[in-house]
N, C-alpha and C. Protein backbone atom coordinates (compact mmCIF):
# COMPACT_ATOMS: atom_id res chain seq x y z
N MET A 1 111.06 104.19 119.16
CA MET A 1 112.31 103.62 119.59
C MET A 1 113.32 104.76 119.74
N PRO A 2 113.54 105.17 120.92
CA PRO A 2 114.49 106.27 121.13
C PRO A 2 115.89 105.92 120.65
N GLY A 3 116.48 106.84 119.89
CA GLY A 3 117.87 106.69 119.49
C GLY A 3 118.14 105.89 118.23
N ILE A 4 117.13 105.25 117.69
CA ILE A 4 117.35 104.45 116.48
C ILE A 4 116.04 104.41 115.67
N SER A 5 116.18 104.48 114.37
CA SER A 5 114.98 104.39 113.53
C SER A 5 114.74 102.94 113.14
N GLY A 6 113.58 102.67 112.64
CA GLY A 6 113.26 101.33 112.16
C GLY A 6 114.18 100.91 111.02
N LEU A 7 114.49 101.84 110.14
CA LEU A 7 115.41 101.54 109.04
C LEU A 7 116.80 101.21 109.56
N ASP A 8 117.25 101.94 110.56
CA ASP A 8 118.56 101.66 111.16
C ASP A 8 118.56 100.27 111.79
N LEU A 9 117.51 99.94 112.52
CA LEU A 9 117.40 98.62 113.15
C LEU A 9 117.43 97.52 112.09
N LEU A 10 116.69 97.69 111.04
CA LEU A 10 116.66 96.71 109.96
C LEU A 10 118.04 96.53 109.34
N LYS A 11 118.74 97.62 109.10
CA LYS A 11 120.09 97.54 108.53
C LYS A 11 121.04 96.79 109.46
N ILE A 12 120.95 97.04 110.74
CA ILE A 12 121.80 96.35 111.71
C ILE A 12 121.49 94.85 111.72
N VAL A 13 120.21 94.52 111.77
CA VAL A 13 119.80 93.11 111.79
C VAL A 13 120.31 92.39 110.55
N ARG A 14 120.16 93.01 109.39
CA ARG A 14 120.59 92.38 108.14
C ARG A 14 122.12 92.32 108.05
N SER A 15 122.81 93.35 108.54
CA SER A 15 124.28 93.36 108.45
C SER A 15 124.90 92.27 109.32
N GLN A 16 124.16 91.79 110.30
CA GLN A 16 124.64 90.72 111.16
C GLN A 16 124.31 89.34 110.59
N GLY A 17 123.78 89.34 109.37
CA GLY A 17 123.48 88.07 108.71
C GLY A 17 122.16 87.45 109.12
N ASN A 18 121.35 88.19 109.84
CA ASN A 18 120.06 87.67 110.29
C ASN A 18 119.03 87.85 109.18
N ASP A 19 118.43 86.74 108.76
CA ASP A 19 117.43 86.82 107.68
C ASP A 19 116.02 86.56 108.18
N THR A 20 115.80 86.79 109.48
CA THR A 20 114.46 86.68 110.05
C THR A 20 113.51 87.59 109.28
N PRO A 21 112.31 87.11 108.95
CA PRO A 21 111.35 87.98 108.25
C PRO A 21 111.15 89.29 109.01
N PHE A 22 111.09 90.39 108.27
CA PHE A 22 110.99 91.71 108.87
C PHE A 22 109.83 92.45 108.22
N ILE A 23 108.84 92.80 109.03
CA ILE A 23 107.71 93.60 108.55
C ILE A 23 107.95 95.02 109.03
N PHE A 24 108.14 95.92 108.10
CA PHE A 24 108.41 97.31 108.41
C PHE A 24 107.09 98.05 108.49
N ILE A 25 106.79 98.65 109.63
CA ILE A 25 105.53 99.36 109.84
C ILE A 25 105.81 100.85 109.92
N THR A 26 105.06 101.64 109.15
CA THR A 26 105.27 103.08 109.14
C THR A 26 103.95 103.84 109.12
N ALA A 27 103.98 104.99 109.74
CA ALA A 27 102.85 105.92 109.68
C ALA A 27 103.08 106.97 108.61
N PHE A 28 104.26 106.94 107.98
CA PHE A 28 104.63 107.94 106.99
C PHE A 28 105.03 107.28 105.67
N PRO A 29 104.08 106.61 105.03
CA PRO A 29 104.42 105.91 103.79
C PRO A 29 104.63 106.87 102.63
N ASN A 30 105.71 106.68 101.94
CA ASN A 30 105.95 107.36 100.68
C ASN A 30 106.95 106.52 99.91
N GLU A 31 107.16 106.85 98.67
CA GLU A 31 108.04 106.02 97.84
C GLU A 31 109.46 105.97 98.36
N GLY A 32 109.94 107.06 98.95
CA GLY A 32 111.29 107.07 99.50
C GLY A 32 111.44 106.09 100.65
N VAL A 33 110.48 106.11 101.58
CA VAL A 33 110.51 105.17 102.71
C VAL A 33 110.39 103.74 102.19
N ARG A 34 109.46 103.53 101.28
CA ARG A 34 109.25 102.19 100.72
C ARG A 34 110.54 101.67 100.06
N ALA A 35 111.17 102.49 99.26
CA ALA A 35 112.39 102.08 98.55
C ALA A 35 113.52 101.76 99.53
N ARG A 36 113.68 102.61 100.57
CA ARG A 36 114.74 102.37 101.54
C ARG A 36 114.48 101.11 102.36
N ALA A 37 113.22 100.87 102.72
CA ALA A 37 112.88 99.67 103.50
C ALA A 37 113.12 98.40 102.70
N VAL A 38 112.69 98.39 101.45
CA VAL A 38 112.89 97.22 100.60
C VAL A 38 114.38 97.01 100.35
N LYS A 39 115.13 98.09 100.08
CA LYS A 39 116.57 97.98 99.84
C LYS A 39 117.29 97.45 101.08
N ALA A 40 116.82 97.85 102.26
CA ALA A 40 117.45 97.41 103.51
C ALA A 40 117.10 95.96 103.85
N GLY A 41 116.09 95.41 103.19
CA GLY A 41 115.77 94.00 103.40
C GLY A 41 114.44 93.71 104.06
N ALA A 42 113.54 94.70 104.09
CA ALA A 42 112.21 94.43 104.64
C ALA A 42 111.46 93.46 103.74
N ASP A 43 110.74 92.55 104.36
CA ASP A 43 109.94 91.62 103.58
C ASP A 43 108.61 92.25 103.17
N VAL A 44 108.07 93.06 104.05
CA VAL A 44 106.78 93.71 103.81
C VAL A 44 106.82 95.11 104.41
N LEU A 45 106.21 96.06 103.74
CA LEU A 45 106.03 97.40 104.28
C LEU A 45 104.55 97.56 104.59
N LEU A 46 104.23 97.74 105.85
CA LEU A 46 102.85 97.86 106.29
C LEU A 46 102.59 99.29 106.70
N GLU A 47 101.55 99.87 106.13
CA GLU A 47 101.23 101.28 106.36
C GLU A 47 100.13 101.40 107.41
N LYS A 48 100.36 102.26 108.41
CA LYS A 48 99.33 102.54 109.42
C LYS A 48 98.27 103.43 108.81
N PRO A 49 97.05 103.34 109.21
CA PRO A 49 96.49 102.29 110.06
C PRO A 49 96.23 101.03 109.23
N PHE A 50 96.16 99.90 109.89
CA PHE A 50 95.89 98.64 109.21
C PHE A 50 95.02 97.78 110.11
N SER A 51 94.33 96.86 109.49
CA SER A 51 93.45 95.96 110.24
C SER A 51 94.24 94.74 110.70
N SER A 52 93.69 94.05 111.66
CA SER A 52 94.36 92.84 112.15
C SER A 52 94.47 91.79 111.06
N SER A 53 93.49 91.73 110.18
CA SER A 53 93.54 90.73 109.10
C SER A 53 94.68 91.04 108.12
N VAL A 54 94.94 92.31 107.87
CA VAL A 54 96.05 92.69 107.00
C VAL A 54 97.38 92.31 107.66
N LEU A 55 97.49 92.56 108.97
CA LEU A 55 98.71 92.18 109.69
C LEU A 55 98.92 90.67 109.64
N ILE A 56 97.88 89.91 109.85
CA ILE A 56 97.99 88.45 109.79
C ILE A 56 98.43 88.01 108.41
N ASP A 57 97.85 88.60 107.37
CA ASP A 57 98.25 88.26 105.99
C ASP A 57 99.73 88.56 105.77
N CYS A 58 100.19 89.69 106.28
CA CYS A 58 101.60 90.07 106.13
C CYS A 58 102.52 89.12 106.88
N ILE A 59 102.13 88.72 108.07
CA ILE A 59 102.93 87.77 108.85
C ILE A 59 103.03 86.45 108.10
N GLU A 60 101.90 85.96 107.61
CA GLU A 60 101.90 84.71 106.86
C GLU A 60 102.77 84.81 105.62
N ALA A 61 102.66 85.91 104.91
CA ALA A 61 103.46 86.10 103.69
C ALA A 61 104.94 86.13 104.02
N ALA A 62 105.31 86.86 105.07
CA ALA A 62 106.72 86.95 105.46
C ALA A 62 107.26 85.59 105.87
N LEU A 63 106.49 84.83 106.61
CA LEU A 63 106.94 83.51 107.06
C LEU A 63 107.05 82.53 105.89
N ASN A 64 106.29 82.77 104.85
CA ASN A 64 106.34 81.91 103.66
C ASN A 64 107.38 82.40 102.65
N GLY A 65 108.10 83.47 102.99
CA GLY A 65 109.14 83.98 102.10
C GLY A 65 108.60 84.79 100.94
N ASP A 66 107.37 85.25 101.04
CA ASP A 66 106.75 86.04 99.98
C ASP A 66 107.00 87.51 100.24
N ARG A 67 107.98 88.09 99.57
CA ARG A 67 108.29 89.50 99.74
C ARG A 67 107.27 90.33 98.99
N GLN A 68 106.26 90.79 99.69
CA GLN A 68 105.16 91.53 99.08
C GLN A 68 105.51 92.96 98.74
N GLY A 69 106.40 93.55 99.51
CA GLY A 69 106.73 94.95 99.27
C GLY A 69 105.79 95.88 100.01
N THR A 70 104.52 95.56 100.04
CA THR A 70 103.56 96.40 100.75
C THR A 70 102.43 95.56 101.29
N GLY A 71 101.91 95.99 102.42
CA GLY A 71 100.79 95.29 103.04
C GLY A 71 99.48 96.00 102.82
N GLN A 72 99.46 96.96 101.92
CA GLN A 72 98.22 97.72 101.69
C GLN A 72 97.80 97.57 100.25
């Protein structure tokens, strides 16, 4: 996403009062990214690479309001 990071997008979405489930996907997982994503309001942090079944599980969890923190 040119010009904006995923964390920035998440912060904007949440600051506008939007509570749509948000699955944060990253290729650079570490505790700092995880902490910032959860603090910003991510429902799930999904680490690349991932299988389609893991993505489906994360989508279902997010739609059910289950804040998993991680999809791995």
